[in-house]
Amino acid sequence: SQHVDCVAISDNGSIIVSGSFDKTVRVWDTRSSNSPQALLQSLD
């Protein structure tokens, strides 16, 4: 919901983690076909 300042990616590129000014860390599955299903976790 706010600007994203940092990212990390797994060795094989299948997982991305992002950190935002919205106070959350989000974990994404890049193998999923669309954004809603790609979000695995939101750590708040």
ModelCIF file with pLDDT and N, C-alpha, C, O atoms, coordinates in Angstrom:
data_MODEL
#
_entry.id   MODEL 
#
_entity.id                         1 
_entity.type                       polymer 
_entity.pdbx_number_of_molecules   1 
#
_entity_poly.entity_id                      1 
_entity_poly.type                           'polypeptide(L)' 
_entity_poly.nstd_linkage                   no 
_entity_poly.nstd_monomer                   no 
_entity_poly.pdbx_seq_one_letter_code       SQHVDCVAISDNGSIIVSGSFDKTVRVWDTRSSNSPQALLQSLD 
_entity_poly.pdbx_seq_one_letter_code_can   SQHVDCVAISDNGSIIVSGSFDKTVRVWDTRSSNSPQALLQSLD 
_entity_poly.pdbx_strand_id                 A 
#
loop_
_entity_poly_seq.entity_id 
_entity_poly_seq.num 
_entity_poly_seq.mon_id 
_entity_poly_seq.hetero 
1 1  SER n 
1 2  GLN n 
1 3  HIS n 
1 4  VAL n 
1 5  ASP n 
1 6  CYS n 
1 7  VAL n 
1 8  ALA n 
1 9  ILE n 
1 10 SER n 
1 11 ASP n 
1 12 ASN n 
1 13 GLY n 
1 14 SER n 
1 15 ILE n 
1 16 ILE n 
1 17 VAL n 
1 18 SER n 
1 19 GLY n 
1 20 SER n 
1 21 PHE n 
1 22 ASP n 
1 23 LYS n 
1 24 THR n 
1 25 VAL n 
1 26 ARG n 
1 27 VAL n 
1 28 TRP n 
1 29 ASP n 
1 30 THR n 
1 31 ARG n 
1 32 SER n 
1 33 SER n 
1 34 ASN n 
1 35 SER n 
1 36 PRO n 
1 37 GLN n 
1 38 ALA n 
1 39 LEU n 
1 40 LEU n 
1 41 GLN n 
1 42 SER n 
1 43 LEU n 
1 44 ASP n 
#
_struct_asym.id          A 
_struct_asym.entity_id   1 
#
loop_
_ma_qa_metric.id 
_ma_qa_metric.mode 
_ma_qa_metric.name 
_ma_qa_metric.software_group_id 
_ma_qa_metric.type 
1 global pLDDT . pLDDT 
2 local  pLDDT . pLDDT 
#
_ma_qa_metric_global.metric_id      1 
_ma_qa_metric_global.metric_value   92.57 
_ma_qa_metric_global.model_id       1 
_ma_qa_metric_global.ordinal_id     1 
#
loop_
_ma_qa_metric_local.label_asym_id 
_ma_qa_metric_local.label_comp_id 
_ma_qa_metric_local.label_seq_id 
_ma_qa_metric_local.metric_id 
_ma_qa_metric_local.metric_value 
_ma_qa_metric_local.model_id 
_ma_qa_metric_local.ordinal_id 
A SER 1  2 94.00 1 1  
A GLN 2  2 95.00 1 2  
A HIS 3  2 94.00 1 3  
A VAL 4  2 96.00 1 4  
A ASP 5  2 96.00 1 5  
A CYS 6  2 98.00 1 6  
A VAL 7  2 98.00 1 7  
A ALA 8  2 98.00 1 8  
A ILE 9  2 98.00 1 9  
A SER 10 2 97.00 1 10 
A ASP 11 2 96.00 1 11 
A ASN 12 2 95.00 1 12 
A GLY 13 2 96.00 1 13 
A SER 14 2 96.00 1 14 
A ILE 15 2 97.00 1 15 
A ILE 16 2 98.00 1 16 
A VAL 17 2 98.00 1 17 
A SER 18 2 98.00 1 18 
A GLY 19 2 98.00 1 19 
A SER 20 2 97.00 1 20 
A PHE 21 2 96.00 1 21 
A ASP 22 2 96.00 1 22 
A LYS 23 2 97.00 1 23 
A THR 24 2 98.00 1 24 
A VAL 25 2 98.00 1 25 
A ARG 26 2 97.00 1 26 
A VAL 27 2 97.00 1 27 
A TRP 28 2 96.00 1 28 
A ASP 29 2 95.00 1 29 
A THR 30 2 93.00 1 30 
A ARG 31 2 89.00 1 31 
A SER 32 2 82.00 1 32 
A SER 33 2 72.00 1 33 
A ASN 34 2 68.00 1 34 
A SER 35 2 61.00 1 35 
A PRO 36 2 67.00 1 36 
A GLN 37 2 70.00 1 37 
A ALA 38 2 91.00 1 38 
A LEU 39 2 94.00 1 39 
A LEU 40 2 95.00 1 40 
A GLN 41 2 96.00 1 41 
A SER 42 2 97.00 1 42 
A LEU 43 2 98.00 1 43 
A ASP 44 2 97.00 1 44 
#
loop_
_atom_site.group_PDB 
_atom_site.id 
_atom_site.type_symbol 
_atom_site.label_atom_id 
_atom_site.label_alt_id 
_atom_site.label_comp_id 
_atom_site.label_asym_id 
_atom_site.label_entity_id 
_atom_site.label_seq_id 
_atom_site.pdbx_PDB_ins_code 
_atom_site.Cartn_x 
_atom_site.Cartn_y 
_atom_site.Cartn_z 
_atom_site.occupancy 
_atom_site.B_iso_or_equiv 
_atom_site.pdbx_formal_charge 
_atom_site.auth_seq_id 
_atom_site.auth_comp_id 
_atom_site.auth_asym_id 
_atom_site.auth_atom_id 
_atom_site.pdbx_PDB_model_num 
ATOM 1   N N  . SER A 1 1  ? 0.804  -1.216  0.000   1.00 94.00 ? 1  SER A N  1 
ATOM 2   C CA . SER A 1 1  ? 0.000  0.000   0.000   1.00 94.00 ? 1  SER A CA 1 
ATOM 3   C C  . SER A 1 1  ? 0.841  1.273   0.000   1.00 94.00 ? 1  SER A C  1 
ATOM 4   O O  . SER A 1 1  ? 0.310  2.368   -0.187  1.00 94.00 ? 1  SER A O  1 
ATOM 5   N N  . GLN A 1 2  ? 2.163  1.134   0.211   1.00 95.00 ? 2  GLN A N  1 
ATOM 6   C CA . GLN A 1 2  ? 3.061  2.289   0.163   1.00 95.00 ? 2  GLN A CA 1 
ATOM 7   C C  . GLN A 1 2  ? 4.340  1.879   -0.568  1.00 95.00 ? 2  GLN A C  1 
ATOM 8   O O  . GLN A 1 2  ? 4.452  0.745   -1.035  1.00 95.00 ? 2  GLN A O  1 
ATOM 9   N N  . HIS A 1 3  ? 5.302  2.794   -0.668  1.00 94.00 ? 3  HIS A N  1 
ATOM 10  C CA . HIS A 1 3  ? 6.475  2.538   -1.498  1.00 94.00 ? 3  HIS A CA 1 
ATOM 11  C C  . HIS A 1 3  ? 7.283  1.349   -0.986  1.00 94.00 ? 3  HIS A C  1 
ATOM 12  O O  . HIS A 1 3  ? 7.376  1.101   0.216   1.00 94.00 ? 3  HIS A O  1 
ATOM 13  N N  . VAL A 1 4  ? 7.862  0.624   -1.939  1.00 96.00 ? 4  VAL A N  1 
ATOM 14  C CA . VAL A 1 4  ? 8.646  -0.575  -1.657  1.00 96.00 ? 4  VAL A CA 1 
ATOM 15  C C  . VAL A 1 4  ? 10.125 -0.202  -1.746  1.00 96.00 ? 4  VAL A C  1 
ATOM 16  O O  . VAL A 1 4  ? 10.576 0.336   -2.757  1.00 96.00 ? 4  VAL A O  1 
ATOM 17  N N  . ASP A 1 5  ? 10.873 -0.491  -0.684  1.00 96.00 ? 5  ASP A N  1 
ATOM 18  C CA . ASP A 1 5  ? 12.258 -0.014  -0.593  1.00 96.00 ? 5  ASP A CA 1 
ATOM 19  C C  . ASP A 1 5  ? 13.312 -1.097  -0.747  1.00 96.00 ? 5  ASP A C  1 
ATOM 20  O O  . ASP A 1 5  ? 14.468 -0.781  -1.028  1.00 96.00 ? 5  ASP A O  1 
ATOM 21  N N  . CYS A 1 6  ? 12.951 -2.368  -0.572  1.00 98.00 ? 6  CYS A N  1 
ATOM 22  C CA . CYS A 1 6  ? 13.978 -3.419  -0.607  1.00 98.00 ? 6  CYS A CA 1 
ATOM 23  C C  . CYS A 1 6  ? 13.375 -4.733  -1.071  1.00 98.00 ? 6  CYS A C  1 
ATOM 24  O O  . CYS A 1 6  ? 12.193 -5.007  -0.859  1.00 98.00 ? 6  CYS A O  1 
ATOM 25  N N  . VAL A 1 7  ? 14.218 -5.540  -1.711  1.00 98.00 ? 7  VAL A N  1 
ATOM 26  C CA . VAL A 1 7  ? 13.799 -6.863  -2.186  1.00 98.00 ? 7  VAL A CA 1 
ATOM 27  C C  . VAL A 1 7  ? 14.925 -7.858  -1.954  1.00 98.00 ? 7  VAL A C  1 
ATOM 28  O O  . VAL A 1 7  ? 16.091 -7.484  -1.826  1.00 98.00 ? 7  VAL A O  1 
ATOM 29  N N  . ALA A 1 8  ? 14.552 -9.133  -1.904  1.00 98.00 ? 8  ALA A N  1 
ATOM 30  C CA . ALA A 1 8  ? 15.510 -10.237 -1.889  1.00 98.00 ? 8  ALA A CA 1 
ATOM 31  C C  . ALA A 1 8  ? 14.906 -11.353 -2.721  1.00 98.00 ? 8  ALA A C  1 
ATOM 32  O O  . ALA A 1 8  ? 13.687 -11.422 -2.877  1.00 98.00 ? 8  ALA A O  1 
ATOM 33  N N  . ILE A 1 9  ? 15.751 -12.230 -3.259  1.00 98.00 ? 9  ILE A N  1 
ATOM 34  C CA . ILE A 1 9  ? 15.281 -13.296 -4.129  1.00 98.00 ? 9  ILE A CA 1 
ATOM 35  C C  . ILE A 1 9  ? 16.004 -14.591 -3.778  1.00 98.00 ? 9  ILE A C  1 
ATOM 36  O O  . ILE A 1 9  ? 17.178 -14.577 -3.406  1.00 98.00 ? 9  ILE A O  1 
ATOM 37  N N  . SER A 1 10 ? 15.289 -15.712 -3.900  1.00 97.00 ? 10 SER A N  1 
ATOM 38  C CA . SER A 1 10 ? 15.888 -17.008 -3.600  1.00 97.00 ? 10 SER A CA 1 
ATOM 39  C C  . SER A 1 10 ? 16.904 -17.385 -4.667  1.00 97.00 ? 10 SER A C  1 
ATOM 40  O O  . SER A 1 10 ? 16.943 -16.785 -5.741  1.00 97.00 ? 10 SER A O  1 
ATOM 41  N N  . ASP A 1 11 ? 17.728 -18.385 -4.361  1.00 96.00 ? 11 ASP A N  1 
ATOM 42  C CA . ASP A 1 11 ? 18.787 -18.796 -5.275  1.00 96.00 ? 11 ASP A CA 1 
ATOM 43  C C  . ASP A 1 11 ? 18.254 -19.170 -6.658  1.00 96.00 ? 11 ASP A C  1 
ATOM 44  O O  . ASP A 1 11 ? 18.873 -18.860 -7.675  1.00 96.00 ? 11 ASP A O  1 
ATOM 45  N N  . ASN A 1 12 ? 17.091 -19.844 -6.684  1.00 95.00 ? 12 ASN A N  1 
ATOM 46  C CA . ASN A 1 12 ? 16.540 -20.282 -7.978  1.00 95.00 ? 12 ASN A CA 1 
ATOM 47  C C  . ASN A 1 12 ? 15.500 -19.324 -8.552  1.00 95.00 ? 12 ASN A C  1 
ATOM 48  O O  . ASN A 1 12 ? 14.911 -19.597 -9.598  1.00 95.00 ? 12 ASN A O  1 
ATOM 49  N N  . GLY A 1 13 ? 15.273 -18.198 -7.864  1.00 96.00 ? 13 GLY A N  1 
ATOM 50  C CA . GLY A 1 13 ? 14.358 -17.187 -8.371  1.00 96.00 ? 13 GLY A CA 1 
ATOM 51  C C  . GLY A 1 13 ? 12.891 -17.467 -8.140  1.00 96.00 ? 13 GLY A C  1 
ATOM 52  O O  . GLY A 1 13 ? 12.044 -16.717 -8.625  1.00 96.00 ? 13 GLY A O  1 
ATOM 53  N N  . SER A 1 14 ? 12.556 -18.535 -7.407  1.00 96.00 ? 14 SER A N  1 
ATOM 54  C CA . SER A 1 14 ? 11.147 -18.900 -7.229  1.00 96.00 ? 14 SER A CA 1 
ATOM 55  C C  . SER A 1 14 ? 10.448 -18.105 -6.132  1.00 96.00 ? 14 SER A C  1 
ATOM 56  O O  . SER A 1 14 ? 9.221  -18.006 -6.133  1.00 96.00 ? 14 SER A O  1 
ATOM 57  N N  . ILE A 1 15 ? 11.204 -17.541 -5.203  1.00 97.00 ? 15 ILE A N  1 
ATOM 58  C CA . ILE A 1 15 ? 10.645 -16.773 -4.091  1.00 97.00 ? 15 ILE A CA 1 
ATOM 59  C C  . ILE A 1 15 ? 11.247 -15.369 -4.089  1.00 97.00 ? 15 ILE A C  1 
ATOM 60  O O  . ILE A 1 15 ? 12.462 -15.205 -4.194  1.00 97.00 ? 15 ILE A O  1 
ATOM 61  N N  . ILE A 1 16 ? 10.389 -14.365 -3.967  1.00 98.00 ? 16 ILE A N  1 
ATOM 62  C CA . ILE A 1 16 ? 10.823 -12.978 -3.788  1.00 98.00 ? 16 ILE A CA 1 
ATOM 63  C C  . ILE A 1 16 ? 10.259 -12.475 -2.460  1.00 98.00 ? 16 ILE A C  1 
ATOM 64  O O  . ILE A 1 16 ? 9.111  -12.761 -2.120  1.00 98.00 ? 16 ILE A O  1 
ATOM 65  N N  . VAL A 1 17 ? 11.055 -11.740 -1.725  1.00 98.00 ? 17 VAL A N  1 
ATOM 66  C CA . VAL A 1 17 ? 10.612 -11.097 -0.495  1.00 98.00 ? 17 VAL A CA 1 
ATOM 67  C C  . VAL A 1 17 ? 10.766 -9.596  -0.684  1.00 98.00 ? 17 VAL A C  1 
ATOM 68  O O  . VAL A 1 17 ? 11.793 -9.132  -1.180  1.00 98.00 ? 17 VAL A O  1 
ATOM 69  N N  . SER A 1 18 ? 9.759  -8.843  -0.295  1.00 98.00 ? 18 SER A N  1 
ATOM 70  C CA . SER A 1 18 ? 9.793  -7.387  -0.462  1.00 98.00 ? 18 SER A CA 1 
ATOM 71  C C  . SER A 1 18 ? 9.477  -6.696  0.851   1.00 98.00 ? 18 SER A C  1 
ATOM 72  O O  . SER A 1 18 ? 8.702  -7.207  1.659   1.00 98.00 ? 18 SER A O  1 
ATOM 73  N N  . GLY A 1 19 ? 10.080 -5.531  1.061   1.00 98.00 ? 19 GLY A N  1 
ATOM 74  C CA . GLY A 1 19 ? 9.857  -4.754  2.268   1.00 98.00 ? 19 GLY A CA 1 
ATOM 75  C C  . GLY A 1 19 ? 9.401  -3.357  1.922   1.00 98.00 ? 19 GLY A C  1 
ATOM 76  O O  . GLY A 1 19 ? 9.938  -2.737  1.004   1.00 98.00 ? 19 GLY A O  1 
ATOM 77  N N  . SER A 1 20 ? 8.415  -2.851  2.645   1.00 97.00 ? 20 SER A N  1 
ATOM 78  C CA . SER A 1 20 ? 7.760  -1.599  2.265   1.00 97.00 ? 20 SER A CA 1 
ATOM 79  C C  . SER A 1 20 ? 7.631  -0.638  3.433   1.00 97.00 ? 20 SER A C  1 
ATOM 80  O O  . SER A 1 20 ? 7.749  -1.012  4.600   1.00 97.00 ? 20 SER A O  1 
ATOM 81  N N  . PHE A 1 21 ? 7.383  0.620   3.073   1.00 96.00 ? 21 PHE A N  1 
ATOM 82  C CA . PHE A 1 21 ? 7.073  1.648   4.057   1.00 96.00 ? 21 PHE A CA 1 
ATOM 83  C C  . PHE A 1 21 ? 5.710  1.395   4.699   1.00 96.00 ? 21 PHE A C  1 
ATOM 84  O O  . PHE A 1 21 ? 5.366  2.031   5.696   1.00 96.00 ? 21 PHE A O  1 
ATOM 85  N N  . ASP A 1 22 ? 4.926  0.460   4.127   1.00 96.00 ? 22 ASP A N  1 
ATOM 86  C CA . ASP A 1 22 ? 3.635  0.113   4.738   1.00 96.00 ? 22 ASP A CA 1 
ATOM 87  C C  . ASP A 1 22 ? 3.795  -0.802  5.947   1.00 96.00 ? 22 ASP A C  1 
ATOM 88  O O  . ASP A 1 22 ? 2.807  -1.273  6.511   1.00 96.00 ? 22 ASP A O  1 
ATOM 89  N N  . LYS A 1 23 ? 5.069  -1.057  6.349   1.00 97.00 ? 23 LYS A N  1 
ATOM 90  C CA . LYS A 1 23 ? 5.423  -1.811  7.554   1.00 97.00 ? 23 LYS A CA 1 
ATOM 91  C C  . LYS A 1 23 ? 5.341  -3.322  7.371   1.00 97.00 ? 23 LYS A C  1 
ATOM 92  O O  . LYS A 1 23 ? 5.471  -4.065  8.344   1.00 97.00 ? 23 LYS A O  1 
ATOM 93  N N  . THR A 1 24 ? 5.128  -3.787  6.150   1.00 98.00 ? 24 THR A N  1 
ATOM 94  C CA . THR A 1 24 ? 5.009  -5.227  5.936   1.00 98.00 ? 24 THR A CA 1 
ATOM 95  C C  . THR A 1 24 ? 6.170  -5.783  5.134   1.00 98.00 ? 24 THR A C  1 
ATOM 96  O O  . THR A 1 24 ? 6.788  -5.100  4.317   1.00 98.00 ? 24 THR A O  1 
ATOM 97  N N  . VAL A 1 25 ? 6.439  -7.062  5.404   1.00 98.00 ? 25 VAL A N  1 
ATOM 98  C CA . VAL A 1 25 ? 7.306  -7.885  4.569   1.00 98.00 ? 25 VAL A CA 1 
ATOM 99  C C  . VAL A 1 25 ? 6.388  -8.851  3.833   1.00 98.00 ? 25 VAL A C  1 
ATOM 100 O O  . VAL A 1 25 ? 5.582  -9.544  4.454   1.00 98.00 ? 25 VAL A O  1 
ATOM 101 N N  . ARG A 1 26 ? 6.510  -8.895  2.498   1.00 97.00 ? 26 ARG A N  1 
ATOM 102 C CA . ARG A 1 26 ? 5.644  -9.790  1.719   1.00 97.00 ? 26 ARG A CA 1 
ATOM 103 C C  . ARG A 1 26 ? 6.488  -10.844 1.012   1.00 97.00 ? 26 ARG A C  1 
ATOM 104 O O  . ARG A 1 26 ? 7.573  -10.567 0.502   1.00 97.00 ? 26 ARG A O  1 
ATOM 105 N N  . VAL A 1 27 ? 5.953  -12.056 0.999   1.00 97.00 ? 27 VAL A N  1 
ATOM 106 C CA . VAL A 1 27 ? 6.634  -13.195 0.401   1.00 97.00 ? 27 VAL A CA 1 
ATOM 107 C C  . VAL A 1 27 ? 5.834  -13.635 -0.821  1.00 97.00 ? 27 VAL A C  1 
ATOM 108 O O  . VAL A 1 27 ? 4.635  -13.898 -0.727  1.00 97.00 ? 27 VAL A O  1 
ATOM 109 N N  . TRP A 1 28 ? 6.510  -13.713 -1.976  1.00 96.00 ? 28 TRP A N  1 
ATOM 110 C CA . TRP A 1 28 ? 5.836  -13.981 -3.244  1.00 96.00 ? 28 TRP A CA 1 
ATOM 111 C C  . TRP A 1 28 ? 6.367  -15.266 -3.876  1.00 96.00 ? 28 TRP A C  1 
ATOM 112 O O  . TRP A 1 28 ? 7.558  -15.566 -3.801  1.00 96.00 ? 28 TRP A O  1 
ATOM 113 N N  . ASP A 1 29 ? 5.458  -16.017 -4.501  1.00 95.00 ? 29 ASP A N  1 
ATOM 114 C CA . ASP A 1 29 ? 5.809  -17.194 -5.280  1.00 95.00 ? 29 ASP A CA 1 
ATOM 115 C C  . ASP A 1 29 ? 5.789  -16.796 -6.756  1.00 95.00 ? 29 ASP A C  1 
ATOM 116 O O  . ASP A 1 29 ? 4.720  -16.573 -7.324  1.00 95.00 ? 29 ASP A O  1 
ATOM 117 N N  . THR A 1 30 ? 6.959  -16.707 -7.372  1.00 93.00 ? 30 THR A N  1 
ATOM 118 C CA . THR A 1 30 ? 7.029  -16.230 -8.755  1.00 93.00 ? 30 THR A CA 1 
ATOM 119 C C  . THR A 1 30 ? 6.495  -17.252 -9.751  1.00 93.00 ? 30 THR A C  1 
ATOM 120 O O  . THR A 1 30 ? 6.287  -16.924 -10.919 1.00 93.00 ? 30 THR A O  1 
ATOM 121 N N  . ARG A 1 31 ? 6.272  -18.481 -9.307  1.00 89.00 ? 31 ARG A N  1 
ATOM 122 C CA . ARG A 1 31 ? 5.749  -19.508 -10.214 1.00 89.00 ? 31 ARG A CA 1 
ATOM 123 C C  . ARG A 1 31 ? 4.240  -19.436 -10.352 1.00 89.00 ? 31 ARG A C  1 
ATOM 124 O O  . ARG A 1 31 ? 3.674  -20.066 -11.245 1.00 89.00 ? 31 ARG A O  1 
ATOM 125 N N  . SER A 1 32 ? 3.568  -18.670 -9.474  1.00 82.00 ? 32 SER A N  1 
ATOM 126 C CA . SER A 1 32 ? 2.126  -18.513 -9.567  1.00 82.00 ? 32 SER A CA 1 
ATOM 127 C C  . SER A 1 32 ? 1.773  -17.618 -10.747 1.00 82.00 ? 32 SER A C  1 
ATOM 128 O O  . SER A 1 32 ? 2.559  -16.752 -11.133 1.00 82.00 ? 32 SER A O  1 
ATOM 129 N N  . SER A 1 33 ? 0.606  -17.824 -11.312 1.00 72.00 ? 33 SER A N  1 
ATOM 130 C CA . SER A 1 33 ? 0.257  -17.155 -12.572 1.00 72.00 ? 33 SER A CA 1 
ATOM 131 C C  . SER A 1 33 ? -0.236 -15.728 -12.415 1.00 72.00 ? 33 SER A C  1 
ATOM 132 O O  . SER A 1 33 ? -0.224 -14.976 -13.390 1.00 72.00 ? 33 SER A O  1 
ATOM 133 N N  . ASN A 1 34 ? -0.674 -15.321 -11.216 1.00 68.00 ? 34 ASN A N  1 
ATOM 134 C CA . ASN A 1 34 ? -1.136 -13.936 -11.050 1.00 68.00 ? 34 ASN A CA 1 
ATOM 135 C C  . ASN A 1 34 ? -0.820 -13.429 -9.654  1.00 68.00 ? 34 ASN A C  1 
ATOM 136 O O  . ASN A 1 34 ? -0.532 -14.215 -8.751  1.00 68.00 ? 34 ASN A O  1 
ATOM 137 N N  . SER A 1 35 ? -0.874 -12.111 -9.479  1.00 61.00 ? 35 SER A N  1 
ATOM 138 C CA . SER A 1 35 ? -0.424 -11.473 -8.244  1.00 61.00 ? 35 SER A CA 1 
ATOM 139 C C  . SER A 1 35 ? -1.168 -11.918 -6.988  1.00 61.00 ? 35 SER A C  1 
ATOM 140 O O  . SER A 1 35 ? -0.509 -12.219 -5.993  1.00 61.00 ? 35 SER A O  1 
ATOM 141 N N  . PRO A 1 36 ? -2.514 -11.980 -6.974  1.00 67.00 ? 36 PRO A N  1 
ATOM 142 C CA . PRO A 1 36 ? -3.182 -12.376 -5.722  1.00 67.00 ? 36 PRO A CA 1 
ATOM 143 C C  . PRO A 1 36 ? -2.732 -13.743 -5.223  1.00 67.00 ? 36 PRO A C  1 
ATOM 144 O O  . PRO A 1 36 ? -2.490 -13.921 -4.029  1.00 67.00 ? 36 PRO A O  1 
ATOM 145 N N  . GLN A 1 37 ? -2.618 -14.716 -6.136  1.00 70.00 ? 37 GLN A N  1 
ATOM 146 C CA . GLN A 1 37 ? -2.193 -16.051 -5.729  1.00 70.00 ? 37 GLN A CA 1 
ATOM 147 C C  . GLN A 1 37 ? -0.690 -16.127 -5.479  1.00 70.00 ? 37 GLN A C  1 
ATOM 148 O O  . GLN A 1 37 ? -0.217 -17.018 -4.773  1.00 70.00 ? 37 GLN A O  1 
ATOM 149 N N  . ALA A 1 38 ? 0.061  -15.185 -6.062  1.00 91.00 ? 38 ALA A N  1 
ATOM 150 C CA . ALA A 1 38 ? 1.515  -15.176 -5.876  1.00 91.00 ? 38 ALA A CA 1 
ATOM 151 C C  . ALA A 1 38 ? 1.902  -14.806 -4.456  1.00 91.00 ? 38 ALA A C  1 
ATOM 152 O O  . ALA A 1 38 ? 2.970  -15.198 -3.985  1.00 91.00 ? 38 ALA A O  1 
ATOM 153 N N  . LEU A 1 39 ? 1.053  -14.058 -3.766  1.00 94.00 ? 39 LEU A N  1 
ATOM 154 C CA . LEU A 1 39 ? 1.364  -13.639 -2.401  1.00 94.00 ? 39 LEU A CA 1 
ATOM 155 C C  . LEU A 1 39 ? 1.194  -14.822 -1.450  1.00 94.00 ? 39 LEU A C  1 
ATOM 156 O O  . LEU A 1 39 ? 0.085  -15.319 -1.255  1.00 94.00 ? 39 LEU A O  1 
ATOM 157 N N  . LEU A 1 40 ? 2.294  -15.263 -0.866  1.00 95.00 ? 40 LEU A N  1 
ATOM 158 C CA . LEU A 1 40 ? 2.277  -16.382 0.066   1.00 95.00 ? 40 LEU A CA 1 
ATOM 159 C C  . LEU A 1 40 ? 2.032  -15.933 1.499   1.00 95.00 ? 40 LEU A C  1 
ATOM 160 O O  . LEU A 1 40 ? 1.263  -16.555 2.232   1.00 95.00 ? 40 LEU A O  1 
ATOM 161 N N  . GLN A 1 41 ? 2.695  -14.840 1.895   1.00 96.00 ? 41 GLN A N  1 
ATOM 162 C CA . GLN A 1 41 ? 2.589  -14.360 3.268   1.00 96.00 ? 41 GLN A CA 1 
ATOM 163 C C  . GLN A 1 41 ? 2.741  -12.849 3.308   1.00 96.00 ? 41 GLN A C  1 
ATOM 164 O O  . GLN A 1 41 ? 3.423  -12.256 2.471   1.00 96.00 ? 41 GLN A O  1 
ATOM 165 N N  . SER A 1 42 ? 2.096  -12.234 4.293   1.00 97.00 ? 42 SER A N  1 
ATOM 166 C CA . SER A 1 42 ? 2.315  -10.828 4.601   1.00 97.00 ? 42 SER A CA 1 
ATOM 167 C C  . SER A 1 42 ? 2.636  -10.739 6.084   1.00 97.00 ? 42 SER A C  1 
ATOM 168 O O  . SER A 1 42 ? 1.792  -11.044 6.928   1.00 97.00 ? 42 SER A O  1 
ATOM 169 N N  . LEU A 1 43 ? 3.846  -10.326 6.397   1.00 98.00 ? 43 LEU A N  1 
ATOM 170 C CA . LEU A 1 43 ? 4.350  -10.299 7.770   1.00 98.00 ? 43 LEU A CA 1 
ATOM 171 C C  . LEU A 1 43 ? 4.279  -8.869  8.277   1.00 98.00 ? 43 LEU A C  1 
ATOM 172 O O  . LEU A 1 43 ? 4.918  -7.977  7.720   1.00 98.00 ? 43 LEU A O  1 
ATOM 173 N N  . ASP A 1 44 ? 3.504  -8.647  9.331   1.00 97.00 ? 44 ASP A N  1 
ATOM 174 C CA . ASP A 1 44 ? 3.166  -7.271  9.716   1.00 97.00 ? 44 ASP A CA 1 
ATOM 175 C C  . ASP A 1 44 ? 3.572  -6.912  11.143  1.00 97.00 ? 44 ASP A C  1 
ATOM 176 O O  . ASP A 1 44 ? 3.343  -5.786  11.585  1.00 97.00 ? 44 ASP A O  1 
#
